[in-house]
Amino acid sequence: MNPEPLLVLTTCESEGDAQELADALVAARLAACVNTVDNVSSTYRWAGKVERGREFLLLIKTTDDRLDAIEERIRTLSAYELPEVLAVRIQTGSSDYLEWLNASVRE
């Protein structure tokens, strides 16, 4: 049985942090690919106040069996007190791409 493909989202406060995390995830075979979207404007509630900031959004392509390790790596490398880790199941996609994704994260 093949693991289920996932899209994991997280944010970083700097381009350097985003690149470090992306490199670490791909090098460790936890992610097949990580896209970095810069200049994301975020509005959120923190410590009882509405905050705004610029962030870098990471779109992490992986599988469900790698999620725990990805979350641990994000928590370790993130500068944030409470890093975002959201996982969305990929319902369908190019079969060739999904095969590549699965092969890329196998140990």
C-alpha atoms as a PDB file:
ATOM      1  CA  MET A   1       0.000   0.000   0.000  1.00  0.00           C
ATOM      2  CA  ASN A   2       1.397   3.378  -1.024  1.00  0.00           C
ATOM      3  CA  PRO A   3       1.457   6.207   1.469  1.00  0.00           C
ATOM      4  CA  GLU A   4      -1.057   8.979   0.831  1.00  0.00           C
ATOM      5  CA  PRO A   5       0.335  12.173  -0.705  1.00  0.00           C
ATOM      6  CA  LEU A   6       0.102  15.342   1.369  1.00  0.00           C
ATOM      7  CA  LEU A   7       0.655  19.048   0.928  1.00  0.00           C
ATOM      8  CA  VAL A   8       2.064  20.498   4.150  1.00  0.00           C
ATOM      9  CA  LEU A   9       2.024  24.252   4.730  1.00  0.00           C
ATOM     10  CA  THR A  10       4.223  26.227   7.071  1.00  0.00           C
ATOM     11  CA  THR A  11       5.569  29.771   7.250  1.00  0.00           C
ATOM     12  CA  CYS A  12       8.970  31.252   8.037  1.00  0.00           C
ATOM     13  CA  GLU A  13       9.898  34.777   9.054  1.00  0.00           C
ATOM     14  CA  SER A  14      12.897  35.095   6.721  1.00  0.00           C
ATOM     15  CA  GLU A  15      14.067  33.873   3.339  1.00  0.00           C
ATOM     16  CA  GLY A  16      17.124  32.310   4.965  1.00  0.00           C
ATOM     17  CA  ASP A  17      14.975  30.337   7.411  1.00  0.00           C
ATOM     18  CA  ALA A  18      12.704  29.201   4.578  1.00  0.00           C
ATOM     19  CA  GLN A  19      15.625  28.008   2.443  1.00  0.00           C
ATOM     20  CA  GLU A  20      17.274  26.231   5.382  1.00  0.00           C
ATOM     21  CA  LEU A  21      14.064  24.365   6.172  1.00  0.00           C
ATOM     22  CA  ALA A  22      13.368  23.499   2.517  1.00  0.00           C
ATOM     23  CA  ASP A  23      16.918  22.191   2.036  1.00  0.00           C
ATOM     24  CA  ALA A  24      16.747  20.135   5.248  1.00  0.00           C
ATOM     25  CA  LEU A  25      13.418  18.520   4.337  1.00  0.00           C
ATOM     26  CA  VAL A  26      14.449  17.566   0.802  1.00  0.00           C
ATOM     27  CA  ALA A  27      17.951  16.416   1.814  1.00  0.00           C
ATOM     28  CA  ALA A  28      16.474  14.123   4.481  1.00  0.00           C
ATOM     29  CA  ARG A  29      13.950  12.698   1.962  1.00  0.00           C
ATOM     30  CA  LEU A  30      11.090  14.000   4.098  1.00  0.00           C
ATOM     31  CA  ALA A  31       9.799  16.047   1.161  1.00  0.00           C
ATOM     32  CA  ALA A  32       9.971  15.498  -2.577  1.00  0.00           C
ATOM     33  CA  CYS A  33       9.727  19.221  -3.305  1.00  0.00           C
ATOM     34  CA  VAL A  34       9.286  22.443  -1.376  1.00  0.00           C
ATOM     35  CA  ASN A  35       8.025  25.617  -3.046  1.00  0.00           C
ATOM     36  CA  THR A  36       8.720  28.919  -1.333  1.00  0.00           C
ATOM     37  CA  VAL A  37       6.251  31.763  -1.839  1.00  0.00           C
ATOM     38  CA  ASP A  38       7.710  35.057  -0.682  1.00  0.00           C
ATOM     39  CA  ASN A  39       6.090  38.282   0.424  1.00  0.00           C
ATOM     40  CA  VAL A  40       3.030  36.656   1.976  1.00  0.00           C
ATOM     41  CA  SER A  41       1.024  39.055   4.096  1.00  0.00           C
ATOM     42  CA  SER A  42      -0.328  37.427   7.258  1.00  0.00           C
ATOM     43  CA  THR A  43      -2.881  38.757   9.727  1.00  0.00           C
ATOM     44  CA  TYR A  44      -3.314  36.745  12.921  1.00  0.00           C
ATOM     45  CA  ARG A  45      -4.184  36.941  16.596  1.00  0.00           C
ATOM     46  CA  TRP A  46      -1.279  36.453  18.988  1.00  0.00           C
ATOM     47  CA  ALA A  47      -1.070  37.203  22.715  1.00  0.00           C
ATOM     48  CA  GLY A  48      -4.486  38.878  22.612  1.00  0.00           C
ATOM     49  CA  LYS A  49      -3.619  41.298  19.814  1.00  0.00           C
ATOM     50  CA  VAL A  50      -4.187  41.374  16.065  1.00  0.00           C
ATOM     51  CA  GLU A  51      -0.790  41.265  14.368  1.00  0.00           C
ATOM     52  CA  ARG A  52       0.369  41.665  10.776  1.00  0.00           C
ATOM     53  CA  GLY A  53       3.595  40.549   9.195  1.00  0.00           C
ATOM     54  CA  ARG A  54       5.408  39.466   6.050  1.00  0.00           C
ATOM     55  CA  GLU A  55       6.295  35.798   5.831  1.00  0.00           C
ATOM     56  CA  PHE A  56       7.542  33.110   3.485  1.00  0.00           C
ATOM     57  CA  LEU A  57       5.042  30.321   2.824  1.00  0.00           C
ATOM     58  CA  LEU A  58       6.404  26.823   2.224  1.00  0.00           C
ATOM     59  CA  LEU A  59       4.375  24.315   0.190  1.00  0.00           C
ATOM     60  CA  ILE A  60       5.833  20.933   1.108  1.00  0.00           C
ATOM     61  CA  LYS A  61       5.000  17.892  -1.048  1.00  0.00           C
ATOM     62  CA  THR A  62       5.306  14.688   0.939  1.00  0.00           C
ATOM     63  CA  THR A  63       3.426  11.602   2.153  1.00  0.00           C
ATOM     64  CA  ASP A  64       1.435  10.910   5.298  1.00  0.00           C
ATOM     65  CA  ASP A  65       4.056   8.542   6.699  1.00  0.00           C
ATOM     66  CA  ARG A  66       6.597  11.413   6.759  1.00  0.00           C
ATOM     67  CA  LEU A  67       4.343  13.949   8.505  1.00  0.00           C
ATOM     68  CA  ASP A  68       5.511  13.350  12.087  1.00  0.00           C
ATOM     69  CA  ALA A  69       9.175  13.718  11.088  1.00  0.00           C
ATOM     70  CA  ILE A  70       8.378  16.875   9.104  1.00  0.00           C
ATOM     71  CA  GLU A  71       6.547  18.407  12.050  1.00  0.00           C
ATOM     72  CA  GLU A  72       9.480  17.599  14.331  1.00  0.00           C
ATOM     73  CA  ARG A  73      11.952  19.171  11.868  1.00  0.00           C
ATOM     74  CA  ILE A  74       9.791  22.292  11.521  1.00  0.00           C
ATOM     75  CA  ARG A  75       9.558  22.656  15.309  1.00  0.00           C
ATOM     76  CA  THR A  76      13.337  22.233  15.603  1.00  0.00           C
ATOM     77  CA  LEU A  77      14.279  24.732  12.877  1.00  0.00           C
ATOM     78  CA  SER A  78      11.501  27.318  13.191  1.00  0.00           C
ATOM     79  CA  ALA A  79      12.161  30.680  14.804  1.00  0.00           C
ATOM     80  CA  TYR A  80       8.478  30.820  15.777  1.00  0.00           C
ATOM     81  CA  GLU A  81       7.239  29.927  19.252  1.00  0.00           C
ATOM     82  CA  LEU A  82       4.276  28.129  17.669  1.00  0.00           C
ATOM     83  CA  PRO A  83       5.083  27.165  14.070  1.00  0.00           C
ATOM     84  CA  GLU A  84       2.285  26.476  11.623  1.00  0.00           C
ATOM     85  CA  VAL A  85       2.021  22.874  10.449  1.00  0.00           C
ATOM     86  CA  LEU A  86      -1.056  22.158   8.328  1.00  0.00           C
ATOM     87  CA  ALA A  87      -1.439  19.049   6.188  1.00  0.00           C
ATOM     88  CA  VAL A  88      -3.892  18.726   3.308  1.00  0.00           C
ATOM     89  CA  ARG A  89      -4.536  15.403   1.611  1.00  0.00           C
ATOM     90  CA  ILE A  90      -3.936  15.416  -2.122  1.00  0.00           C
ATOM     91  CA  GLN A  91      -7.081  13.817  -3.522  1.00  0.00           C
ATOM     92  CA  THR A  92      -5.858  13.442  -7.082  1.00  0.00           C
ATOM     93  CA  GLY A  93      -3.101  14.527  -9.393  1.00  0.00           C
ATOM     94  CA  SER A  94      -0.877  13.446 -12.228  1.00  0.00           C
ATOM     95  CA  SER A  95      -0.104   9.768 -11.657  1.00  0.00           C
ATOM     96  CA  ASP A  96       3.470  10.252 -12.922  1.00  0.00           C
ATOM     97  CA  TYR A  97       4.025  13.153 -10.522  1.00  0.00           C
ATOM     98  CA  LEU A  98       2.548  11.270  -7.563  1.00  0.00           C
ATOM     99  CA  GLU A  99       4.745   8.242  -8.328  1.00  0.00           C
ATOM    100  CA  TRP A 100       7.782  10.541  -8.394  1.00  0.00           C
ATOM    101  CA  LEU A 101       6.681  12.107  -5.093  1.00  0.00           C
ATOM    102  CA  ASN A 102       6.412   8.687  -3.414  1.00  0.00           C
ATOM    103  CA  ALA A 103       9.764   7.543  -4.801  1.00  0.00           C
ATOM    104  CA  SER A 104      11.468  10.760  -3.678  1.00  0.00           C
ATOM    105  CA  VAL A 105      10.581  10.349  -0.016  1.00  0.00           C
ATOM    106  CA  ARG A 106      11.357   6.634   0.305  1.00  0.00           C
ATOM    107  CA  GLU A 107      14.305   5.843   2.506  1.00  0.00           C
END
